[in-house]
Protein backbone atom coordinates (compact mmCIF):
# COMPACT_ATOMS: atom_id res chain seq x y z
CA MET A 1 0.00 0.00 0.00
CA THR A 2 1.00 3.66 -0.31
CA PRO A 3 1.26 5.25 3.15
CA ARG A 4 -0.92 8.34 3.43
CA ILE A 5 0.86 11.60 4.16
CA ARG A 6 -0.49 13.48 7.14
CA ARG A 7 -0.54 17.24 6.82
CA LEU A 8 1.06 19.63 9.26
CA VAL A 9 0.07 19.06 12.87
CA PRO A 10 1.23 21.72 15.37
CA PRO A 11 3.62 20.38 18.01
CA SER A 12 2.30 20.03 21.53
CA VAL A 13 2.68 22.91 23.96
CA GLY A 14 4.78 20.73 26.24
CA ALA A 15 7.16 19.83 23.44
CA ILE A 16 7.52 23.48 22.43
CA ALA A 17 8.32 24.48 25.99
CA LEU A 18 10.84 21.67 26.35
CA VAL A 19 12.76 22.50 23.19
CA ALA A 20 12.59 26.24 23.82
CA MET A 21 14.30 25.55 27.13
CA LEU A 22 16.98 23.50 25.39
CA THR A 23 17.63 25.82 22.49
CA GLY A 24 19.07 28.78 24.33
CA GLY A 25 19.62 32.20 22.82
CA GLY A 26 22.50 31.74 20.40
CA PRO A 27 26.25 31.31 20.65
CA PRO A 28 27.34 31.34 24.28
CA ALA A 29 29.87 33.72 25.71
CA ALA A 30 33.29 32.26 26.33
CA ALA A 31 33.54 30.84 29.82
CA ALA A 32 37.19 31.77 30.30
CA GLU A 33 38.28 35.15 31.70
CA SER A 34 40.94 35.58 29.02
CA THR A 35 40.49 38.49 26.63
CA ILE A 36 41.75 36.38 23.73
CA GLY A 37 39.03 34.75 21.63
CA THR A 38 39.38 31.00 21.38
CA ASP A 39 40.88 29.33 18.31
CA GLY A 40 38.09 26.81 17.71
CA TYR A 41 34.52 27.44 18.77
CA VAL A 42 33.84 26.10 22.29
CA HIS A 43 30.33 24.66 22.51
CA VAL A 44 28.42 25.17 25.75
CA SER A 45 25.10 23.48 26.50
CA PRO A 46 22.07 25.61 27.49
CA MET A 47 22.57 24.22 30.99
CA GLY A 48 26.10 25.66 31.10
CA THR A 49 28.08 22.46 30.54
CA VAL A 50 31.21 23.07 28.47
CA LEU A 51 31.13 20.58 25.59
CA GLY A 52 34.35 21.70 23.95
CA ALA A 53 35.26 22.26 20.33
CA ASP A 54 33.83 20.29 17.44
CA PRO A 55 35.65 16.92 17.72
CA TYR A 56 35.93 16.55 13.93
CA TYR A 57 37.18 20.06 13.16
CA PRO A 58 38.41 21.48 16.47
CA LYS A 59 40.16 24.48 14.90
CA ASP A 60 37.11 25.58 12.88
CA GLY A 61 35.12 28.47 14.24
CA ASN A 62 36.28 30.89 16.88
CA GLY A 63 35.11 32.26 20.19
CA GLY A 64 34.70 35.70 21.68
CA TYR A 65 32.24 37.22 19.23
CA ASP A 66 29.02 36.63 17.32
CA VAL A 67 28.83 37.65 13.65
CA GLY A 68 25.73 39.59 12.58
CA ASP A 69 26.45 40.10 8.87
CA TYR A 70 28.97 39.37 6.13
CA ASN A 71 29.17 42.01 3.39
CA LEU A 72 31.41 40.76 0.60
CA ALA A 73 32.61 42.61 -2.49
CA ILE A 74 34.42 40.20 -4.81
CA GLU A 75 35.75 40.78 -8.29
CA TYR A 76 36.60 37.66 -10.28
CA LEU A 77 39.37 37.93 -12.86
CA PRO A 78 38.99 34.98 -15.27
CA SER A 79 42.29 35.56 -17.05
CA SER A 80 44.24 34.90 -13.84
CA THR A 81 41.51 32.88 -12.06
CA SER A 82 42.01 35.19 -9.09
CA ILE A 83 39.86 37.48 -6.96
CA ARG A 84 40.18 40.99 -5.54
CA ALA A 85 37.97 41.23 -2.49
CA LYS A 86 36.88 43.13 0.57
CA ALA A 87 34.94 41.62 3.47
CA THR A 88 33.09 43.86 5.90
CA ILE A 89 32.01 41.87 8.94
CA THR A 90 29.75 43.24 11.64
CA ALA A 91 29.85 41.41 14.96
CA THR A 92 29.25 41.69 18.69
CA ALA A 93 31.87 40.84 21.28
CA THR A 94 30.66 38.19 23.72
CA GLN A 95 33.57 38.91 26.09
CA ASP A 96 36.24 41.55 26.55
CA LEU A 97 38.30 40.97 23.43
CA SER A 98 41.89 41.95 22.83
CA ARG A 99 42.42 39.46 20.00
CA PHE A 100 40.24 37.23 17.87
CA ASN A 101 40.47 34.81 14.98
CA LEU A 102 38.73 34.30 11.65
CA ASP A 103 39.04 31.31 9.32
CA LEU A 104 40.56 31.87 5.88
CA CYS A 105 42.42 29.35 3.73
CA GLY A 106 45.22 30.59 1.50
CA LEU A 107 44.66 33.97 -0.13
CA SER A 108 46.66 37.04 0.78
CA VAL A 109 45.43 39.53 3.37
CA TYR A 110 46.51 43.07 2.53
CA SER A 111 44.92 45.08 5.33
CA VAL A 112 42.63 44.74 8.34
CA LYS A 113 40.71 47.47 10.11
CA VAL A 114 38.57 47.21 13.23
CA ASP A 115 36.04 50.04 13.58
CA GLY A 116 37.93 51.94 10.90
CA VAL A 117 41.30 51.76 12.66
CA GLY A 118 44.19 49.69 11.34
CA ALA A 119 44.66 46.42 13.23
CA THR A 120 47.54 43.98 13.42
CA HIS A 121 46.97 40.68 11.67
CA ALA A 122 48.85 37.41 11.34
CA ARG A 123 48.37 34.05 9.65
CA VAL A 124 48.68 30.96 11.85
CA GLY A 125 48.35 27.32 10.81
CA ASP A 126 46.49 26.38 7.67
CA HIS A 127 43.49 28.70 8.05
CA GLU A 128 43.71 31.06 11.02
CA LEU A 129 43.65 34.83 10.52
CA VAL A 130 44.52 36.36 13.90
CA VAL A 131 43.38 39.97 14.38
CA THR A 132 44.59 42.27 17.16
CA PRO A 133 42.59 45.53 17.39
CA ARG A 134 44.31 48.74 18.42
CA THR A 135 42.09 48.94 21.51
CA MET A 136 40.21 46.39 23.57
CA LEU A 137 36.67 45.50 22.46
CA ALA A 138 34.35 45.49 25.47
CA ALA A 139 31.93 42.63 26.05
CA GLY A 140 28.62 43.47 24.39
CA ALA A 141 30.15 46.02 22.03
CA ALA A 142 29.24 45.98 18.35
CA PHE A 143 32.25 46.25 16.04
CA THR A 144 33.11 46.14 12.35
CA VAL A 145 36.04 44.36 10.70
CA GLU A 146 37.17 45.34 7.20
CA ILE A 147 39.52 42.93 5.44
CA VAL A 148 41.05 43.56 2.02
CA TYR A 149 42.35 40.36 0.51
CA GLY A 150 42.83 38.49 -2.74
CA GLY A 151 44.61 35.81 -4.71
CA SER A 152 43.63 32.55 -6.37
CA PRO A 153 41.25 30.55 -4.16
CA ARG A 154 41.81 26.81 -3.91
CA PRO A 155 39.39 24.02 -2.92
CA LEU A 156 39.79 21.69 0.03
CA GLY A 157 39.77 17.90 -0.12
CA THR A 158 37.12 15.90 1.74
CA ALA A 159 35.97 12.29 1.75
CA ARG A 160 33.31 13.29 -0.80
CA GLY A 161 35.75 15.12 -3.06
CA LEU A 162 36.75 18.75 -3.42
CA VAL A 163 34.73 21.49 -1.72
CA GLY A 164 35.02 25.25 -1.65
CA TRP A 165 36.10 27.47 -4.53
CA GLN A 166 36.50 25.42 -7.70
CA ARG A 167 37.39 26.72 -11.14
CA GLY A 168 35.78 25.33 -14.25
CA TYR A 169 35.87 26.19 -17.91
CA GLU A 170 34.86 29.87 -17.99
CA SER A 171 33.29 29.51 -14.55
CA ALA A 172 33.91 29.35 -10.81
CA VAL A 173 31.74 27.82 -8.11
CA ALA A 174 32.18 28.03 -4.33
CA VAL A 175 30.10 25.50 -2.44
CA GLY A 176 30.33 22.38 -0.30
CA MET A 177 30.35 20.89 3.18
CA PRO A 178 31.77 21.05 5.72
CA ARG A 179 34.49 23.61 4.95
CA SER A 180 33.71 25.72 1.92
CA ALA A 181 33.26 29.34 2.98
CA MET A 182 36.80 29.74 4.35
CA THR A 183 38.24 29.12 0.87
CA TRP A 184 36.90 32.45 -0.43
CA PHE A 185 36.14 34.81 2.46
CA PRO A 186 37.11 35.31 6.12
CA VAL A 187 34.47 33.60 8.25
CA ASN A 188 33.70 32.32 11.72
CA ASN A 189 33.44 28.78 10.40
CA THR A 190 31.09 27.24 12.94
CA GLU A 191 27.51 26.25 12.18
CA VAL A 192 26.23 27.92 15.33
CA ASP A 193 27.27 31.41 14.24
CA LYS A 194 24.71 32.11 11.55
CA ALA A 195 24.66 35.57 10.00
CA THR A 196 22.98 37.50 7.23
CA LEU A 197 24.87 37.72 3.95
CA HIS A 198 25.35 40.39 1.28
CA VAL A 199 27.48 39.50 -1.72
CA ALA A 200 28.45 41.79 -4.61
CA LEU A 201 30.09 39.77 -7.41
CA THR A 202 31.85 41.67 -10.18
CA VAL A 203 32.35 39.69 -13.39
CA PRO A 204 32.96 40.43 -17.07
CA ASN A 205 30.04 41.30 -19.31
CA GLY A 206 28.52 38.12 -20.69
CA TRP A 207 28.95 36.40 -17.33
CA GLN A 208 26.27 35.71 -14.73
CA ALA A 209 26.86 35.66 -10.97
CA VAL A 210 24.69 33.94 -8.37
CA SER A 211 24.64 33.70 -4.58
CA ASN A 212 22.18 33.12 -1.74
CA GLY A 213 18.94 34.99 -1.21
CA THR A 214 17.46 37.62 -3.50
CA ARG A 215 19.07 39.47 -6.37
CA VAL A 216 19.18 43.14 -5.40
CA SER A 217 20.79 44.72 -8.45
CA ASP A 218 22.84 44.20 -11.59
CA THR A 219 24.91 47.30 -12.20
CA PRO A 220 27.30 48.09 -15.08
CA ILE A 221 30.57 49.49 -13.72
CA SER A 222 32.63 49.89 -16.88
CA GLY A 223 32.59 49.02 -20.53
CA TYR A 224 33.33 45.38 -19.83
CA ARG A 225 32.23 44.52 -16.26
CA HIS A 226 29.11 44.49 -14.13
CA THR A 227 28.35 43.83 -10.46
CA VAL A 228 25.53 41.51 -9.39
CA THR A 229 24.48 41.99 -5.78
CA TRP A 230 22.66 39.36 -3.72
CA ALA A 231 21.20 39.64 -0.21
CA GLU A 232 20.22 36.87 2.17
CA GLU A 233 18.44 38.53 5.08
CA THR A 234 17.75 35.23 6.83
CA ALA A 235 20.77 34.20 8.86
CA VAL A 236 22.76 31.47 7.13
CA ALA A 237 25.35 28.98 8.40
CA PRO A 238 28.79 29.10 6.74
CA SER A 239 28.33 25.66 5.14
CA ALA A 240 25.11 26.83 3.45
CA VAL A 241 26.72 29.81 1.67
CA MET A 242 27.32 29.58 -2.08
CA ALA A 243 28.59 31.70 -4.96
CA ALA A 244 28.80 30.84 -8.63
CA MET A 245 29.71 32.71 -11.80
CA GLY A 246 30.06 31.71 -15.39
CA ARG A 247 30.10 32.86 -18.98
CA ARG A 248 26.96 32.46 -21.07
CA TRP A 249 24.96 31.20 -18.09
CA GLN A 250 21.25 31.90 -17.97
CA VAL A 251 19.16 32.87 -14.95
CA ASP A 252 15.40 32.28 -14.97
CA THR A 253 13.21 34.15 -12.53
CA ALA A 254 9.74 33.29 -11.26
CA THR A 255 7.52 34.00 -8.27
CA LEU A 256 5.98 31.57 -5.81
CA PRO A 257 2.27 31.98 -4.96
CA ASP A 258 3.24 33.69 -1.69
CA GLY A 259 5.32 36.29 -3.56
CA ARG A 260 8.79 34.95 -2.83
CA SER A 261 11.26 34.99 -5.70
CA VAL A 262 12.68 31.95 -7.49
CA TYR A 263 16.05 32.18 -9.25
CA ASN A 264 17.21 29.17 -11.26
CA ALA A 265 20.64 29.52 -12.86
CA TYR A 266 21.83 27.20 -15.63
CA ALA A 267 25.39 26.71 -16.78
CA THR A 268 26.11 26.84 -20.50
CA TRP A 269 25.51 23.15 -21.19
CA ALA A 270 22.88 22.59 -18.51
CA LEU A 271 19.85 24.18 -20.17
CA ASP A 272 18.24 20.74 -20.43
CA LYS A 273 17.92 20.91 -16.63
CA ARG A 274 15.19 23.53 -16.99
CA ALA A 275 12.60 20.75 -16.89
CA LEU A 276 13.92 19.78 -13.47
CA GLY A 277 14.23 23.35 -12.22
CA ASN A 278 10.69 24.12 -13.29
CA LYS A 279 9.44 21.38 -10.92
CA LEU A 280 10.64 23.35 -7.89
CA PRO A 281 7.31 25.15 -7.15
CA GLU A 282 5.53 21.78 -7.14
CA VAL A 283 8.12 20.35 -4.76
CA ILE A 284 7.81 23.34 -2.41
CA GLU A 285 4.03 23.02 -2.44
CA PHE A 286 4.24 19.32 -1.62
CA LEU A 287 6.79 19.74 1.17
CA SER A 288 4.90 22.71 2.63
CA GLY A 289 1.95 20.36 3.06
CA VAL A 290 4.17 18.00 5.04
CA LEU A 291 6.56 20.34 6.85
CA GLY A 292 4.70 23.64 7.06
CA ASP A 293 5.41 26.97 5.42
CA TYR A 294 8.57 27.22 3.35
CA PRO A 295 11.09 28.74 5.79
CA GLN A 296 13.47 30.63 3.48
CA SER A 297 13.47 34.11 1.94
CA ALA A 298 13.72 32.88 -1.66
CA ALA A 299 14.11 29.68 -3.66
CA GLY A 300 15.88 28.36 -6.72
CA GLY A 301 18.94 26.42 -7.75
CA MET A 302 22.27 26.46 -9.56
CA PHE A 303 22.43 23.76 -12.23
CA LEU A 304 25.98 22.95 -13.32
CA ASP A 305 27.08 21.25 -16.53
CA ARG A 306 29.63 19.03 -14.80
CA PRO A 307 29.42 16.23 -12.23
CA ALA A 308 28.96 17.49 -8.67
CA THR A 309 27.51 16.28 -5.38
CA THR A 310 24.17 17.96 -4.72
CA HIS A 311 24.75 20.67 -2.14
CA PRO A 312 21.64 22.09 -0.41
CA ALA A 313 22.83 25.68 0.01
CA GLN A 314 20.30 27.97 1.66
CA THR A 315 17.77 29.27 -0.91
CA ARG A 316 20.03 28.18 -3.79
CA PRO A 317 21.07 24.50 -3.85
CA VAL A 318 23.75 23.48 -6.34
CA TYR A 319 23.13 20.50 -8.62
CA GLY A 320 25.49 18.55 -10.85
CA VAL A 321 24.85 17.41 -14.38
CA TYR A 322 23.44 14.05 -13.24
CA ALA A 323 21.00 15.47 -10.69
CA GLY A 324 17.42 14.24 -10.86
CA MET A 325 14.12 14.50 -9.06
CA SER A 326 15.44 12.89 -5.88
CA ASP A 327 18.16 15.53 -5.62
CA LEU A 328 15.64 18.34 -6.07
CA VAL A 329 13.34 16.98 -3.35
CA TYR A 330 16.20 16.31 -0.95
CA ALA A 331 17.81 19.74 -1.37
CA THR A 332 14.44 21.47 -0.99
CA ALA A 333 13.58 19.49 2.14
CA TYR A 334 16.97 20.52 3.50
CA GLN A 335 15.71 24.11 3.55
CA TRP A 336 13.68 22.97 6.60
CA TRP A 337 15.89 20.14 7.89
CA GLY A 338 19.42 21.52 7.60
CA ASP A 339 19.29 25.18 6.62
CA GLY A 340 16.33 26.00 8.88
CA VAL A 341 17.25 23.88 11.88
CA THR A 342 20.98 23.23 11.64
CA THR A 343 23.16 20.85 13.61
CA LYS A 344 25.60 22.09 16.22
CA MET A 345 28.61 19.90 15.47
CA TRP A 346 29.58 17.90 12.41
CA LYS A 347 29.14 14.62 14.27
CA ASP A 348 25.42 15.46 14.28
CA THR A 349 25.27 15.66 10.47
CA GLN A 350 23.10 12.58 10.04
CA LEU A 351 20.26 14.11 12.06
CA THR A 352 19.35 16.63 9.38
CA GLU A 353 20.59 14.50 6.46
CA SER A 354 18.39 11.56 7.41
CA PHE A 355 15.20 13.56 7.81
CA ALA A 356 15.81 15.66 4.69
CA ARG A 357 16.43 12.57 2.58
CA TYR A 358 13.34 10.86 3.94
CA ALA A 359 11.35 13.52 2.09
CA VAL A 360 12.34 11.73 -1.13
CA TRP A 361 10.56 8.63 0.18
CA LEU A 362 7.45 10.68 0.92
CA TRP A 363 7.54 12.20 -2.57
CA ASP A 364 7.88 8.74 -4.14
CA ALA A 365 4.93 7.46 -2.14
CA GLU A 366 2.70 10.40 -3.02
CA LYS A 367 3.72 10.96 -6.63
CA ASN A 368 4.88 7.54 -7.79
CA GLY A 369 2.80 5.17 -5.69
CA VAL A 370 5.80 3.55 -4.02
CA ASP A 371 5.03 1.24 -1.10
CA LEU A 372 7.41 2.57 1.55
CA ASP A 373 7.03 -0.40 3.86
CA GLN A 374 8.12 -2.67 1.02
CA ARG A 375 11.01 -0.36 0.13
CA TYR A 376 12.11 -0.43 3.75
CA LEU A 377 11.89 -4.22 3.90
CA ASP A 378 13.81 -4.61 0.64
CA GLN A 379 16.62 -2.34 1.80
CA VAL A 380 16.87 -3.93 5.24
CA THR A 381 16.97 -7.37 3.64
CA ALA A 382 19.69 -6.31 1.21
CA ALA A 383 21.84 -4.84 4.01
CA LYS A 384 21.05 -7.39 6.72
CA ALA A 385 24.30 -9.33 6.46
CA ASP A 386 26.49 -6.31 5.68
CA ALA A 387 28.23 -5.44 8.94
CA ARG A 388 29.83 -2.37 7.38
CA PHE A 389 26.40 -0.91 6.64
CA TRP A 390 25.35 -1.02 10.30
CA ALA A 391 28.73 -0.24 11.91
CA PRO A 392 28.76 3.60 11.83
CA LYS A 393 26.98 5.35 14.67
CA LEU A 394 24.47 7.84 13.34
CA THR A 395 25.30 10.12 16.27
CA ASP A 396 29.06 9.96 15.67
CA PRO A 397 30.12 8.37 12.37
CA GLY A 398 33.67 9.74 12.56
CA ALA A 399 35.64 12.61 11.09
CA ARG A 400 35.56 12.66 7.28
CA ALA A 401 32.85 9.98 7.42
CA GLU A 402 29.95 12.30 8.29
CA TYR A 403 27.90 11.21 5.28
CA THR A 404 28.80 7.50 5.25
CA PRO A 405 25.71 6.14 7.06
CA THR A 406 23.08 8.22 5.21
CA ALA A 407 21.20 5.15 3.89
CA LYS A 408 21.08 3.73 7.43
CA GLY A 409 19.78 7.08 8.66
CA VAL A 410 16.86 7.10 6.23
CA LEU A 411 15.91 3.59 7.34
CA MET A 412 16.01 4.85 10.92
CA VAL A 413 13.52 7.60 10.09
CA HIS A 414 11.05 5.12 8.60
CA ALA A 415 11.49 2.81 11.60
CA LEU A 416 10.75 5.77 13.90
CA ARG A 417 7.60 6.46 11.92
CA LYS A 418 6.48 2.86 12.34
CA THR A 419 7.34 2.97 16.05
CA VAL A 420 5.29 6.04 16.97
CA GLY A 421 2.65 5.97 14.20
CA ASP A 422 1.92 8.47 11.46
CA GLU A 423 0.18 11.12 13.54
CA LEU A 424 2.98 11.53 16.07
CA PHE A 425 5.70 11.06 13.47
CA PHE A 426 4.49 13.87 11.23
CA GLN A 427 4.06 16.06 14.29
CA MET A 428 7.76 15.47 15.02
CA TYR A 429 8.76 15.79 11.37
CA SER A 430 7.16 19.20 10.92
CA GLY A 431 7.32 20.45 14.50
CA PHE A 432 11.03 20.16 15.21
CA PRO A 433 12.19 22.46 12.38
CA ALA A 434 9.20 24.75 12.94
CA ILE A 435 10.12 25.59 16.53
CA ASN A 436 13.85 25.69 15.82
CA GLN A 437 13.99 27.85 12.70
CA GLN A 438 17.45 29.39 12.22
CA SER A 439 18.75 27.68 15.36
CA ASN A 440 21.04 24.75 16.06
CA GLN A 441 20.14 21.40 17.57
CA GLY A 442 21.65 17.93 17.92
CA TRP A 443 20.61 14.34 18.44
CA TYR A 444 20.14 14.79 22.18
CA ASP A 445 17.79 17.73 21.61
CA PHE A 446 15.71 15.86 19.05
CA GLY A 447 15.55 12.85 21.34
CA LEU A 448 14.06 14.91 24.14
CA TYR A 449 11.61 16.50 21.74
CA ALA A 450 10.55 13.15 20.23
CA GLU A 451 9.93 11.63 23.66
CA ALA A 452 7.91 14.68 24.69
CA VAL A 453 5.73 14.43 21.58
CA ALA A 454 5.34 10.66 21.86
CA GLU A 455 4.91 10.82 25.66
CA ARG A 456 6.90 7.62 26.01
CA ASP A 457 10.42 6.36 26.57
CA LEU A 458 12.22 5.85 23.25
CA SER A 459 15.67 5.19 24.67
CA GLY A 460 15.67 1.59 23.44
CA PHE A 461 14.98 2.72 19.88
CA PHE A 462 17.60 5.48 20.10
CA GLY A 463 20.20 3.10 21.48
CA ALA A 464 19.62 0.54 18.77
CA TRP A 465 19.44 2.92 15.80
CA TRP A 466 21.35 6.04 16.77
CA ASN A 467 24.22 4.62 18.80
CA GLY A 468 24.18 1.01 17.65
CA THR A 469 26.98 -0.50 15.59
CA VAL A 470 25.13 -3.67 14.58
CA ILE A 471 21.76 -4.33 12.99
CA PRO A 472 18.99 -3.39 15.46
CA ALA A 473 17.04 -6.13 17.21
CA ASP A 474 13.78 -7.09 15.52
CA GLU A 475 11.66 -5.13 18.00
CA PHE A 476 13.31 -1.94 16.72
CA LEU A 477 13.95 -3.08 13.15
CA PHE A 478 10.34 -4.12 12.48
CA PRO A 479 8.21 -2.08 14.92
CA GLY A 480 4.47 -1.50 14.76
CA GLU A 481 2.74 -2.29 11.49
CA GLY A 482 6.01 -2.99 9.75
CA ARG A 483 6.73 -6.09 11.82
């Protein structure tokens, strides 16, 4: 049979109160009395427990301040594949601050100013930009950092291939997880420091330039260049930032029924992807019926004419030449589960990945008549004897293996649905991102929320699926109607 999709059910008052208590009010102030911002963002629980730096990328992110906005002016020079750039960063000190760090890979830094006054800067390690203001920044003070920089950006290697700034034939694209932004602008590279984004991309005439959010202007600046400015007024995590530019690209614009803008950009040899891009309003309508109102300021996609892993950047996912309907549904669902509610540390990646990818199953059931219980049974049967499939913990798969257990994670989501039943499951599925929009949560937080919604102990299920390293026992593998 085709499981029926339940429409949005508001989360219970108790569950809202519980998660509101857990969420806290944003990046915590550094616990230490030092006036030097930490190299590596130190996570602190809402209860005050120091959790430490991200165990996978302990030097990513920095403490001592909270970024409010990135304003980037970048000129791309195709002949030398280099950039000339200026980043203006507005932030608030969360402690008395005599020195702080930003993350920037490669590239040359020519000058740094803090509140308009020249500041000392130094490069440390492979991506630390250390800034020492002329005078101390007081806790709670708003300040502005201006950084003039440039050079030829280079991508970073990950288990899934290269991420960050990548050059192509008459094009450049900057995108990827978990460490993309630092390859092309100075950033506080932690997921918990979301900020608004304004990007002005200057390219030769005949080139298009795309970033997150809404296109503000396209201004000629000389006989052979123009500047395209984009604004994302909804705070975005560093991993969800993108920029792309290319010669002879085309950008289609449309409007959703609620008035929000859609921008679909197509690389030179990707115009055949228009049929896929044009399905986006239908996908948003479908997912809005499951997850609630679309949570982002705009929508669209960047369709490349070369192979690439689908990257669900906020408002503007990036698709490779082989992308299909499943990629479109997944990346759109990620606007709720990933860009809306974002994980705290990279070990939590599978929380949002699993629930975003389960949307593809729901689409297949609704649009293609797929029997999801049978799909689940077939996939469990195929993987039953494969110890490597079950070995990674969903809650901690390991550094550079964040995406390895994604198929296991999707099975977990369906098993949870069968455990609690459709009504409670869809309340969890829509409610958790709804009450945590633009915030950060992890497995522990979702576990508390799920138990509050279900009003029952789910620790056995969590232990078997989330933390287990072997195939779950039958009571958790085939719960409820699926047994």
